PDB file of all heavy atoms in Angstrom:
ATOM      1  N   ALA A   1      -7.025 -27.790  -1.160  1.00  0.00           N
ATOM      2  CA  ALA A   1      -7.415 -26.554  -1.841  1.00  0.00           C
ATOM      3  C   ALA A   1      -8.029 -25.560  -0.870  1.00  0.00           C
ATOM      4  O   ALA A   1      -7.797 -24.351  -0.960  1.00  0.00           O
ATOM      5  CB  ALA A   1      -8.402 -26.866  -2.976  1.00  0.00           C
ATOM      6  N   ALA A   2      -8.812 -26.073   0.105  1.00  0.00           N
ATOM      7  CA  ALA A   2      -9.423 -25.171   1.089  1.00  0.00           C
ATOM      8  C   ALA A   2      -8.372 -24.542   1.990  1.00  0.00           C
ATOM      9  O   ALA A   2      -8.494 -23.390   2.399  1.00  0.00           O
ATOM     10  CB  ALA A   2     -10.450 -25.933   1.919  1.00  0.00           C
ATOM     11  N   ARG A   3      -7.301 -25.310   2.317  1.00  0.00           N
ATOM     12  CA  ARG A   3      -6.265 -24.773   3.187  1.00  0.00           C
ATOM     13  C   ARG A   3      -5.403 -23.749   2.467  1.00  0.00           C
ATOM     14  O   ARG A   3      -4.935 -22.789   3.070  1.00  0.00           O
ATOM     15  CB  ARG A   3      -5.379 -25.914   3.727  1.00  0.00           C
ATOM     16  CG  ARG A   3      -6.050 -26.765   4.791  1.00  0.00           C
ATOM     17  CD  ARG A   3      -5.008 -27.608   5.501  1.00  0.00           C
ATOM     18  NE  ARG A   3      -4.289 -28.481   4.574  1.00  0.00           N
ATOM     19  CZ  ARG A   3      -4.621 -29.730   4.305  1.00  0.00           C
ATOM     20  NH1 ARG A   3      -5.681 -30.271   4.902  1.00  0.00           N
ATOM     21  NH2 ARG A   3      -3.914 -30.448   3.460  1.00  0.00           N
ATOM     22  N   THR A   4      -5.147 -23.964   1.168  1.00  0.00           N
ATOM     23  CA  THR A   4      -4.244 -23.089   0.416  1.00  0.00           C
ATOM     24  C   THR A   4      -4.959 -21.955  -0.280  1.00  0.00           C
ATOM     25  O   THR A   4      -4.300 -21.088  -0.862  1.00  0.00           O
ATOM     26  CB  THR A   4      -3.482 -23.919  -0.633  1.00  0.00           C
ATOM     27  OG1 THR A   4      -4.428 -24.549  -1.511  1.00  0.00           O
ATOM     28  CG2 THR A   4      -2.617 -24.961   0.024  1.00  0.00           C
ATOM     29  N   ARG A   5      -6.302 -21.920  -0.266  1.00  0.00           N
ATOM     30  CA  ARG A   5      -7.024 -20.844  -0.935  1.00  0.00           C
ATOM     31  C   ARG A   5      -6.783 -19.538  -0.201  1.00  0.00           C
ATOM     32  O   ARG A   5      -6.942 -19.459   1.014  1.00  0.00           O
ATOM     33  CB  ARG A   5      -8.517 -21.150  -0.981  1.00  0.00           C
ATOM     34  CG  ARG A   5      -9.306 -20.102  -1.789  1.00  0.00           C
ATOM     35  CD  ARG A   5     -10.793 -20.390  -1.749  1.00  0.00           C
ATOM     36  NE  ARG A   5     -11.060 -21.708  -2.316  1.00  0.00           N
ATOM     37  CZ  ARG A   5     -11.613 -22.717  -1.660  1.00  0.00           C
ATOM     38  NH1 ARG A   5     -11.938 -22.556  -0.368  1.00  0.00           N
ATOM     39  NH2 ARG A   5     -11.836 -23.867  -2.239  1.00  0.00           N
ATOM     40  N   PRO A   6      -6.377 -18.452  -0.926  1.00  0.00           N
ATOM     41  CA  PRO A   6      -6.150 -17.166  -0.243  1.00  0.00           C
ATOM     42  C   PRO A   6      -7.441 -16.612   0.321  1.00  0.00           C
ATOM     43  O   PRO A   6      -8.457 -16.557  -0.365  1.00  0.00           O
ATOM     44  CB  PRO A   6      -5.588 -16.264  -1.356  1.00  0.00           C
ATOM     45  CG  PRO A   6      -5.886 -16.950  -2.637  1.00  0.00           C
ATOM     46  CD  PRO A   6      -6.073 -18.394  -2.348  1.00  0.00           C
ATOM     47  N   ARG A   7      -7.403 -16.272   1.601  1.00  0.00           N
ATOM     48  CA  ARG A   7      -8.584 -15.730   2.268  1.00  0.00           C
ATOM     49  C   ARG A   7      -8.404 -14.244   2.499  1.00  0.00           C
ATOM     50  O   ARG A   7      -7.340 -13.814   2.949  1.00  0.00           O
ATOM     51  CB  ARG A   7      -8.785 -16.441   3.622  1.00  0.00           C
ATOM     52  CG  ARG A   7      -9.149 -17.901   3.480  1.00  0.00           C
ATOM     53  CD  ARG A   7      -9.189 -18.529   4.839  1.00  0.00           C
ATOM     54  NE  ARG A   7      -7.915 -18.338   5.530  1.00  0.00           N
ATOM     55  CZ  ARG A   7      -7.344 -19.273   6.247  1.00  0.00           C
ATOM     56  NH1 ARG A   7      -7.891 -20.453   6.373  1.00  0.00           N
ATOM     57  NH2 ARG A   7      -6.203 -19.023   6.863  1.00  0.00           N
ATOM     58  N   PRO A   8      -9.429 -13.450   2.204  1.00  0.00           N
ATOM     59  CA  PRO A   8      -9.306 -12.009   2.430  1.00  0.00           C
ATOM     60  C   PRO A   8      -9.258 -11.696   3.910  1.00  0.00           C
ATOM     61  O   PRO A   8      -9.944 -12.313   4.723  1.00  0.00           O
ATOM     62  CB  PRO A   8     -10.568 -11.441   1.774  1.00  0.00           C
ATOM     63  CG  PRO A   8     -11.541 -12.586   1.784  1.00  0.00           C
ATOM     64  CD  PRO A   8     -10.731 -13.823   1.658  1.00  0.00           C
ATOM     65  N   SER A   9      -8.427 -10.745   4.255  1.00  0.00           N
ATOM     66  CA  SER A   9      -8.346 -10.299   5.640  1.00  0.00           C
ATOM     67  C   SER A   9      -9.404  -9.243   5.886  1.00  0.00           C
ATOM     68  O   SER A   9     -10.228  -8.938   5.040  1.00  0.00           O
ATOM     69  CB  SER A   9      -6.944  -9.739   5.921  1.00  0.00           C
ATOM     70  OG  SER A   9      -6.714  -8.599   5.105  1.00  0.00           O
ATOM     71  N   SER A  10      -9.369  -8.646   7.072  1.00  0.00           N
ATOM     72  CA  SER A  10     -10.370  -7.641   7.412  1.00  0.00           C
ATOM     73  C   SER A  10     -10.257  -6.420   6.531  1.00  0.00           C
ATOM     74  O   SER A  10     -11.234  -5.728   6.287  1.00  0.00           O
ATOM     75  CB  SER A  10     -10.211  -7.241   8.885  1.00  0.00           C
ATOM     76  OG  SER A  10      -8.891  -6.726   9.110  1.00  0.00           O
ATOM     77  N   GLY A  11      -9.085  -6.123   6.011  1.00  0.00           N
ATOM     78  CA  GLY A  11      -8.908  -4.947   5.159  1.00  0.00           C
ATOM     79  C   GLY A  11      -9.144  -5.226   3.697  1.00  0.00           C
ATOM     80  O   GLY A  11      -8.902  -4.371   2.856  1.00  0.00           O
ATOM     81  N   GLY A  12      -9.599  -6.436   3.335  1.00  0.00           N
ATOM     82  CA  GLY A  12      -9.850  -6.749   1.943  1.00  0.00           C
ATOM     83  C   GLY A  12      -8.636  -7.281   1.214  1.00  0.00           C
ATOM     84  O   GLY A  12      -8.688  -7.521   0.012  1.00  0.00           O
ATOM     85  N   ARG A  13      -7.499  -7.474   1.889  1.00  0.00           N
ATOM     86  CA  ARG A  13      -6.280  -7.991   1.284  1.00  0.00           C
ATOM     87  C   ARG A  13      -6.149  -9.469   1.590  1.00  0.00           C
ATOM     88  O   ARG A  13      -6.461  -9.908   2.690  1.00  0.00           O
ATOM     89  CB  ARG A  13      -5.045  -7.253   1.828  1.00  0.00           C
ATOM     90  CG  ARG A  13      -5.015  -5.773   1.510  1.00  0.00           C
ATOM     91  CD  ARG A  13      -3.947  -5.065   2.320  1.00  0.00           C
ATOM     92  NE  ARG A  13      -2.629  -5.672   2.109  1.00  0.00           N
ATOM     93  CZ  ARG A  13      -1.792  -5.292   1.169  1.00  0.00           C
ATOM     94  NH1 ARG A  13      -2.132  -4.320   0.338  1.00  0.00           N
ATOM     95  NH2 ARG A  13      -0.606  -5.860   1.041  1.00  0.00           N
ATOM     96  N   PRO A  14      -5.684 -10.296   0.621  1.00  0.00           N
ATOM     97  CA  PRO A  14      -5.461 -11.710   0.894  1.00  0.00           C
ATOM     98  C   PRO A  14      -4.439 -11.897   2.012  1.00  0.00           C
ATOM     99  O   PRO A  14      -3.521 -11.089   2.197  1.00  0.00           O
ATOM    100  CB  PRO A  14      -4.937 -12.247  -0.439  1.00  0.00           C
ATOM    101  CG  PRO A  14      -5.405 -11.260  -1.460  1.00  0.00           C
ATOM    102  CD  PRO A  14      -5.437  -9.947  -0.766  1.00  0.00           C
ATOM    103  N   VAL A  15      -4.606 -12.980   2.765  1.00  0.00           N
ATOM    104  CA  VAL A  15      -3.727 -13.240   3.902  1.00  0.00           C
ATOM    105  C   VAL A  15      -2.278 -13.426   3.460  1.00  0.00           C
ATOM    106  O   VAL A  15      -1.345 -12.961   4.119  1.00  0.00           O
ATOM    107  CB  VAL A  15      -4.230 -14.487   4.669  1.00  0.00           C
ATOM    108  CG1 VAL A  15      -3.252 -14.854   5.773  1.00  0.00           C
ATOM    109  CG2 VAL A  15      -5.615 -14.218   5.251  1.00  0.00           C
ATOM    110  N   TRP A  16      -2.090 -14.081   2.294  1.00  0.00           N
ATOM    111  CA  TRP A  16      -0.727 -14.364   1.868  1.00  0.00           C
ATOM    112  C   TRP A  16       0.053 -13.089   1.523  1.00  0.00           C
ATOM    113  O   TRP A  16       1.278 -13.093   1.516  1.00  0.00           O
ATOM    114  CB  TRP A  16      -0.724 -15.303   0.669  1.00  0.00           C
ATOM    115  CG  TRP A  16      -1.480 -14.776  -0.537  1.00  0.00           C
ATOM    116  CD1 TRP A  16      -2.787 -14.971  -0.830  1.00  0.00           C
ATOM    117  CD2 TRP A  16      -0.958 -13.982  -1.596  1.00  0.00           C
ATOM    118  NE1 TRP A  16      -3.133 -14.350  -1.988  1.00  0.00           N
ATOM    119  CE2 TRP A  16      -2.018 -13.734  -2.495  1.00  0.00           C
ATOM    120  CE3 TRP A  16       0.306 -13.446  -1.877  1.00  0.00           C
ATOM    121  CZ2 TRP A  16      -1.859 -12.978  -3.649  1.00  0.00           C
ATOM    122  CZ3 TRP A  16       0.457 -12.688  -3.035  1.00  0.00           C
ATOM    123  CH2 TRP A  16      -0.607 -12.468  -3.898  1.00  0.00           C
ATOM    124  N   MET A  17      -0.659 -11.964   1.265  1.00  0.00           N
ATOM    125  CA  MET A  17       0.049 -10.714   0.973  1.00  0.00           C
ATOM    126  C   MET A  17       0.551 -10.053   2.243  1.00  0.00           C
ATOM    127  O   MET A  17       1.503  -9.273   2.207  1.00  0.00           O
ATOM    128  CB  MET A  17      -0.877  -9.747   0.219  1.00  0.00           C
ATOM    129  CG  MET A  17      -1.235 -10.198  -1.179  1.00  0.00           C
ATOM    130  SD  MET A  17      -2.257  -8.998  -2.054  1.00  0.00           S
ATOM    131  CE  MET A  17      -1.155  -7.605  -2.155  1.00  0.00           C
ATOM    132  N   GLY A  18      -0.073 -10.335   3.367  1.00  0.00           N
ATOM    133  CA  GLY A  18       0.363  -9.737   4.609  1.00  0.00           C
ATOM    134  C   GLY A  18      -0.106  -8.302   4.751  1.00  0.00           C
ATOM    135  O   GLY A  18      -0.556  -7.667   3.801  1.00  0.00           O
ATOM    136  N   GLU A  19       0.020  -7.797   5.964  1.00  0.00           N
ATOM    137  CA  GLU A  19      -0.354  -6.419   6.221  1.00  0.00           C
ATOM    138  C   GLU A  19       0.783  -5.487   5.809  1.00  0.00           C
ATOM    139  O   GLU A  19       1.950  -5.792   6.007  1.00  0.00           O
ATOM    140  CB  GLU A  19      -0.676  -6.233   7.706  1.00  0.00           C
ATOM    141  CG  GLU A  19      -1.916  -6.971   8.174  1.00  0.00           C
ATOM    142  CD  GLU A  19      -3.175  -6.445   7.524  1.00  0.00           C
ATOM    143  OE1 GLU A  19      -3.194  -5.250   7.149  1.00  0.00           O
ATOM    144  OE2 GLU A  19      -4.131  -7.221   7.358  1.00  0.00           O
ATOM    145  N   PRO A  20       0.449  -4.326   5.221  1.00  0.00           N
ATOM    146  CA  PRO A  20       1.519  -3.398   4.824  1.00  0.00           C
ATOM    147  C   PRO A  20       2.215  -2.826   6.056  1.00  0.00           C
ATOM    148  O   PRO A  20       1.579  -2.496   7.055  1.00  0.00           O
ATOM    149  CB  PRO A  20       0.768  -2.303   4.058  1.00  0.00           C
ATOM    150  CG  PRO A  20      -0.633  -2.375   4.568  1.00  0.00           C
ATOM    151  CD  PRO A  20      -0.885  -3.830   4.887  1.00  0.00           C
ATOM    152  N   SER A  21       3.518  -2.725   5.975  1.00  0.00           N
ATOM    153  CA  SER A  21       4.281  -2.176   7.097  1.00  0.00           C
ATOM    154  C   SER A  21       4.160  -0.653   7.126  1.00  0.00           C
ATOM    155  O   SER A  21       3.852  -0.010   6.120  1.00  0.00           O
ATOM    156  CB  SER A  21       5.753  -2.568   6.964  1.00  0.00           C
ATOM    157  OG  SER A  21       6.300  -2.016   5.774  1.00  0.00           O
ATOM    158  N   LYS A  22       4.393  -0.082   8.288  1.00  0.00           N
ATOM    159  CA  LYS A  22       4.327   1.369   8.428  1.00  0.00           C
ATOM    160  C   LYS A  22       5.396   2.049   7.584  1.00  0.00           C
ATOM    161  O   LYS A  22       5.183   3.151   7.045  1.00  0.00           O
ATOM    162  CB  LYS A  22       4.492   1.755   9.893  1.00  0.00           C
ATOM    163  CG  LYS A  22       3.344   1.282  10.783  1.00  0.00           C
ATOM    164  CD  LYS A  22       3.546   1.739  12.222  1.00  0.00           C
ATOM    165  CE  LYS A  22       2.378   1.290  13.105  1.00  0.00           C
ATOM    166  NZ  LYS A  22       2.549   1.728  14.518  1.00  0.00           N
ATOM    167  N   LEU A  23       6.559   1.388   7.452  1.00  0.00           N
ATOM    168  CA  LEU A  23       7.615   1.958   6.624  1.00  0.00           C
ATOM    169  C   LEU A  23       7.202   2.018   5.154  1.00  0.00           C
ATOM    170  O   LEU A  23       7.446   3.013   4.460  1.00  0.00           O
ATOM    171  CB  LEU A  23       8.889   1.136   6.786  1.00  0.00           C
ATOM    172  CG  LEU A  23      10.114   1.612   5.974  1.00  0.00           C
ATOM    173  CD1 LEU A  23      10.486   3.037   6.397  1.00  0.00           C
ATOM    174  CD2 LEU A  23      11.281   0.662   6.157  1.00  0.00           C
ATOM    175  N   GLY A  24       6.541   0.944   4.686  1.00  0.00           N
ATOM    176  CA  GLY A  24       6.089   0.932   3.293  1.00  0.00           C
ATOM    177  C   GLY A  24       5.019   1.975   3.024  1.00  0.00           C
ATOM    178  O   GLY A  24       5.044   2.666   1.999  1.00  0.00           O
ATOM    179  N   VAL A  25       4.069   2.094   3.966  1.00  0.00           N
ATOM    180  CA  VAL A  25       3.017   3.110   3.809  1.00  0.00           C
ATOM    181  C   VAL A  25       3.618   4.505   3.817  1.00  0.00           C
ATOM    182  O   VAL A  25       3.259   5.375   3.008  1.00  0.00           O
ATOM    183  CB  VAL A  25       1.964   2.960   4.923  1.00  0.00           C
ATOM    184  CG1 VAL A  25       0.958   4.101   4.863  1.00  0.00           C
ATOM    185  CG2 VAL A  25       1.245   1.622   4.790  1.00  0.00           C
ATOM    186  N   GLY A  26       4.567   4.737   4.721  1.00  0.00           N
ATOM    187  CA  GLY A  26       5.209   6.051   4.765  1.00  0.00           C
ATOM    188  C   GLY A  26       6.007   6.348   3.513  1.00  0.00           C
ATOM    189  O   GLY A  26       6.007   7.486   3.030  1.00  0.00           O
ATOM    190  N   ALA A  27       6.696   5.326   2.962  1.00  0.00           N
ATOM    191  CA  ALA A  27       7.483   5.535   1.745  1.00  0.00           C
ATOM    192  C   ALA A  27       6.576   5.869   0.560  1.00  0.00           C
ATOM    193  O   ALA A  27       6.883   6.758  -0.241  1.00  0.00           O
ATOM    194  CB  ALA A  27       8.320   4.294   1.440  1.00  0.00           C
ATOM    195  N   ARG A  28       5.448   5.150   0.452  1.00  0.00           N
ATOM    196  CA  ARG A  28       4.516   5.445  -0.640  1.00  0.00           C
ATOM    197  C   ARG A  28       3.937   6.847  -0.498  1.00  0.00           C
ATOM    198  O   ARG A  28       3.798   7.589  -1.483  1.00  0.00           O
ATOM    199  CB  ARG A  28       3.404   4.407  -0.678  1.00  0.00           C
ATOM    200  CG  ARG A  28       3.849   3.055  -1.214  1.00  0.00           C
ATOM    201  CD  ARG A  28       2.645   2.207  -1.593  1.00  0.00           C
ATOM    202  NE  ARG A  28       1.859   1.855  -0.413  1.00  0.00           N
ATOM    203  CZ  ARG A  28       2.037   0.760   0.296  1.00  0.00           C
ATOM    204  NH1 ARG A  28       2.996  -0.101  -0.038  1.00  0.00           N
ATOM    205  NH2 ARG A  28       1.271   0.487   1.348  1.00  0.00           N
ATOM    206  N   GLY A  29       3.582   7.220   0.739  1.00  0.00           N
ATOM    207  CA  GLY A  29       3.073   8.568   0.949  1.00  0.00           C
ATOM    208  C   GLY A  29       4.091   9.636   0.608  1.00  0.00           C
ATOM    209  O   GLY A  29       3.753  10.685   0.043  1.00  0.00           O
ATOM    210  N   LEU A  30       5.362   9.371   0.949  1.00  0.00           N
ATOM    211  CA  LEU A  30       6.421  10.329   0.641  1.00  0.00           C
ATOM    212  C   LEU A  30       6.602  10.480  -0.868  1.00  0.00           C
ATOM    213  O   LEU A  30       6.736  11.607  -1.380  1.00  0.00           O
ATOM    214  CB  LEU A  30       7.726   9.885   1.296  1.00  0.00           C
ATOM    215  CG  LEU A  30       8.957  10.766   1.041  1.00  0.00           C
ATOM    216  CD1 LEU A  30       8.723  12.174   1.594  1.00  0.00           C
ATOM    217  CD2 LEU A  30      10.200  10.147   1.663  1.00  0.00           C
ATOM    218  N   VAL A  31       6.586   9.361  -1.584  1.00  0.00           N
ATOM    219  CA  VAL A  31       6.754   9.421  -3.040  1.00  0.00           C
ATOM    220  C   VAL A  31       5.590  10.159  -3.692  1.00  0.00           C
ATOM    221  O   VAL A  31       5.780  11.009  -4.582  1.00  0.00           O
ATOM    222  CB  VAL A  31       6.891   7.999  -3.613  1.00  0.00           C
ATOM    223  CG1 VAL A  31       6.856   8.024  -5.141  1.00  0.00           C
ATOM    224  CG2 VAL A  31       8.194   7.363  -3.143  1.00  0.00           C
ATOM    225  N   LEU A  32       4.361   9.858  -3.254  1.00  0.00           N
ATOM    226  CA  LEU A  32       3.196  10.548  -3.811  1.00  0.00           C
ATOM    227  C   LEU A  32       3.234  12.042  -3.480  1.00  0.00           C
ATOM    228  O   LEU A  32       2.890  12.883  -4.320  1.00  0.00           O
ATOM    229  CB  LEU A  32       1.908   9.920  -3.271  1.00  0.00           C
ATOM    230  CG  LEU A  32       1.581   8.513  -3.771  1.00  0.00           C
ATOM    231  CD1 LEU A  32       0.332   7.982  -3.092  1.00  0.00           C
ATOM    232  CD2 LEU A  32       1.391   8.508  -5.283  1.00  0.00           C
ATOM    233  N   GLY A  33       3.652  12.366  -2.265  1.00  0.00           N
ATOM    234  CA  GLY A  33       3.747  13.776  -1.891  1.00  0.00           C
ATOM    235  C   GLY A  33       4.771  14.526  -2.725  1.00  0.00           C
ATOM    236  O   GLY A  33       4.521  15.649  -3.172  1.00  0.00           O
ATOM    237  N   LEU A  34       5.945  13.896  -2.953  1.00  0.00           N
ATOM    238  CA  LEU A  34       6.961  14.540  -3.779  1.00  0.00           C
ATOM    239  C   LEU A  34       6.490  14.694  -5.223  1.00  0.00           C
ATOM    240  O   LEU A  34       6.773  15.705  -5.882  1.00  0.00           O
ATOM    241  CB  LEU A  34       8.257  13.727  -3.731  1.00  0.00           C
ATOM    242  CG  LEU A  34       8.994  13.703  -2.386  1.00  0.00           C
ATOM    243  CD1 LEU A  34      10.208  12.787  -2.459  1.00  0.00           C
ATOM    244  CD2 LEU A  34       9.408  15.112  -1.969  1.00  0.00           C
ATOM    245  N   GLY A  35       5.739  13.681  -5.718  1.00  0.00           N
ATOM    246  CA  GLY A  35       5.196  13.795  -7.073  1.00  0.00           C
ATOM    247  C   GLY A  35       4.205  14.943  -7.200  1.00  0.00           C
ATOM    248  O   GLY A  35       4.221  15.692  -8.179  1.00  0.00           O
ATOM    249  N   CYS A  36       3.340  15.089  -6.183  1.00  0.00           N
ATOM    250  CA  CYS A  36       2.381  16.199  -6.191  1.00  0.00           C
ATOM    251  C   CYS A  36       3.083  17.544  -6.133  1.00  0.00           C
ATOM    252  O   CYS A  36       2.708  18.498  -6.827  1.00  0.00           O
ATOM    253  CB  CYS A  36       1.405  16.059  -5.029  1.00  0.00           C
ATOM    254  SG  CYS A  36       0.269  14.652  -5.158  1.00  0.00           S
ATOM    255  N   LEU A  37       4.128  17.643  -5.296  1.00  0.00           N
ATOM    256  CA  LEU A  37       4.869  18.895  -5.211  1.00  0.00           C
ATOM    257  C   LEU A  37       5.571  19.219  -6.525  1.00  0.00           C
ATOM    258  O   LEU A  37       5.629  20.388  -6.939  1.00  0.00           O
ATOM    259  CB  LEU A  37       5.902  18.814  -4.083  1.00  0.00           C
ATOM    260  CG  LEU A  37       5.353  18.867  -2.654  1.00  0.00           C
ATOM    261  CD1 LEU A  37       6.493  18.712  -1.649  1.00  0.00           C
ATOM    262  CD2 LEU A  37       4.605  20.171  -2.404  1.00  0.00           C
ATOM    263  N   ALA A  38       6.100  18.189  -7.196  1.00  0.00           N
ATOM    264  CA  ALA A  38       6.780  18.413  -8.469  1.00  0.00           C
ATOM    265  C   ALA A  38       5.824  18.951  -9.529  1.00  0.00           C
ATOM    266  O   ALA A  38       6.249  19.650 -10.459  1.00  0.00           O
ATOM    267  CB  ALA A  38       7.425  17.111  -8.956  1.00  0.00           C
ATOM    268  N   VAL A  39       4.531  18.647  -9.402  1.00  0.00           N
ATOM    269  CA  VAL A  39       3.541  19.142 -10.353  1.00  0.00           C
ATOM    270  C   VAL A  39       2.987  20.497  -9.927  1.00  0.00           C
ATOM    271  O   VAL A  39       2.799  21.399 -10.756  1.00  0.00           O
ATOM    272  CB  VAL A  39       2.403  18.113 -10.515  1.00  0.00           C
ATOM    273  CG1 VAL A  39       1.289  18.673 -11.392  1.00  0.00           C
ATOM    274  CG2 VAL A  39       2.934  16.822 -11.110  1.00  0.00           C
ATOM    275  N   LEU A  40       2.714  20.662  -8.626  1.00  0.00           N
ATOM    276  CA  LEU A  40       2.001  21.848  -8.157  1.00  0.00           C
ATOM    277  C   LEU A  40       2.909  23.063  -7.991  1.00  0.00           C
ATOM    278  O   LEU A  40       2.476  24.192  -8.248  1.00  0.00           O
ATOM    279  CB  LEU A  40       1.307  21.539  -6.827  1.00  0.00           C
ATOM    280  CG  LEU A  40       0.168  20.518  -6.891  1.00  0.00           C
ATOM    281  CD1 LEU A  40      -0.400  20.264  -5.506  1.00  0.00           C
ATOM    282  CD2 LEU A  40      -0.934  21.006  -7.830  1.00  0.00           C
ATOM    283  N   VAL A  41       4.152  22.859  -7.552  1.00  0.00           N
ATOM    284  CA  VAL A  41       5.024  24.002  -7.296  1.00  0.00           C
ATOM    285  C   VAL A  41       5.301  24.815  -8.563  1.00  0.00           C
ATOM    286  O   VAL A  41       5.193  26.058  -8.546  1.00  0.00           O
ATOM    287  CB  VAL A  41       6.334  23.531  -6.628  1.00  0.00           C
ATOM    288  CG1 VAL A  41       7.363  24.665  -6.583  1.00  0.00           C
ATOM    289  CG2 VAL A  41       6.045  23.046  -5.212  1.00  0.00           C
ATOM    290  N   PRO A  42       5.643  24.208  -9.710  1.00  0.00           N
ATOM    291  CA  PRO A  42       5.837  25.036 -10.911  1.00  0.00           C
ATOM    292  C   PRO A  42       4.580  25.791 -11.329  1.00  0.00           C
ATOM    293  O   PRO A  42       4.653  26.967 -11.718  1.00  0.00           O
ATOM    294  CB  PRO A  42       6.251  24.006 -11.975  1.00  0.00           C
ATOM    295  CG  PRO A  42       6.817  22.873 -11.206  1.00  0.00           C
ATOM    296  CD  PRO A  42       6.007  22.803  -9.955  1.00  0.00           C
ATOM    297  N   PHE A  43       3.420  25.119 -11.259  1.00  0.00           N
ATOM    298  CA  PHE A  43       2.183  25.808 -11.626  1.00  0.00           C
ATOM    299  C   PHE A  43       1.889  26.943 -10.648  1.00  0.00           C
ATOM    300  O   PHE A  43       1.403  28.014 -11.047  1.00  0.00           O
ATOM    301  CB  PHE A  43       1.024  24.823 -11.664  1.00  0.00           C
ATOM    302  CG  PHE A  43      -0.267  25.431 -12.130  1.00  0.00           C
ATOM    303  CD1 PHE A  43      -0.477  25.694 -13.467  1.00  0.00           C
ATOM    304  CD2 PHE A  43      -1.261  25.758 -11.224  1.00  0.00           C
ATOM    305  CE1 PHE A  43      -1.658  26.272 -13.915  1.00  0.00           C
ATOM    306  CE2 PHE A  43      -2.448  26.329 -11.651  1.00  0.00           C
ATOM    307  CZ  PHE A  43      -2.649  26.587 -12.999  1.00  0.00           C
TER     308      PHE A  43
END
């Protein structure tokens, strides 16, 4: 149980989740940016 228990990493994320890739972070930022533009540009 001690070996398999998920341990938080330095960023507060469990080790088994792994570190987010730069591509994933960039994709999420792009989607959020497009969502903000879709709301702000018409207004």
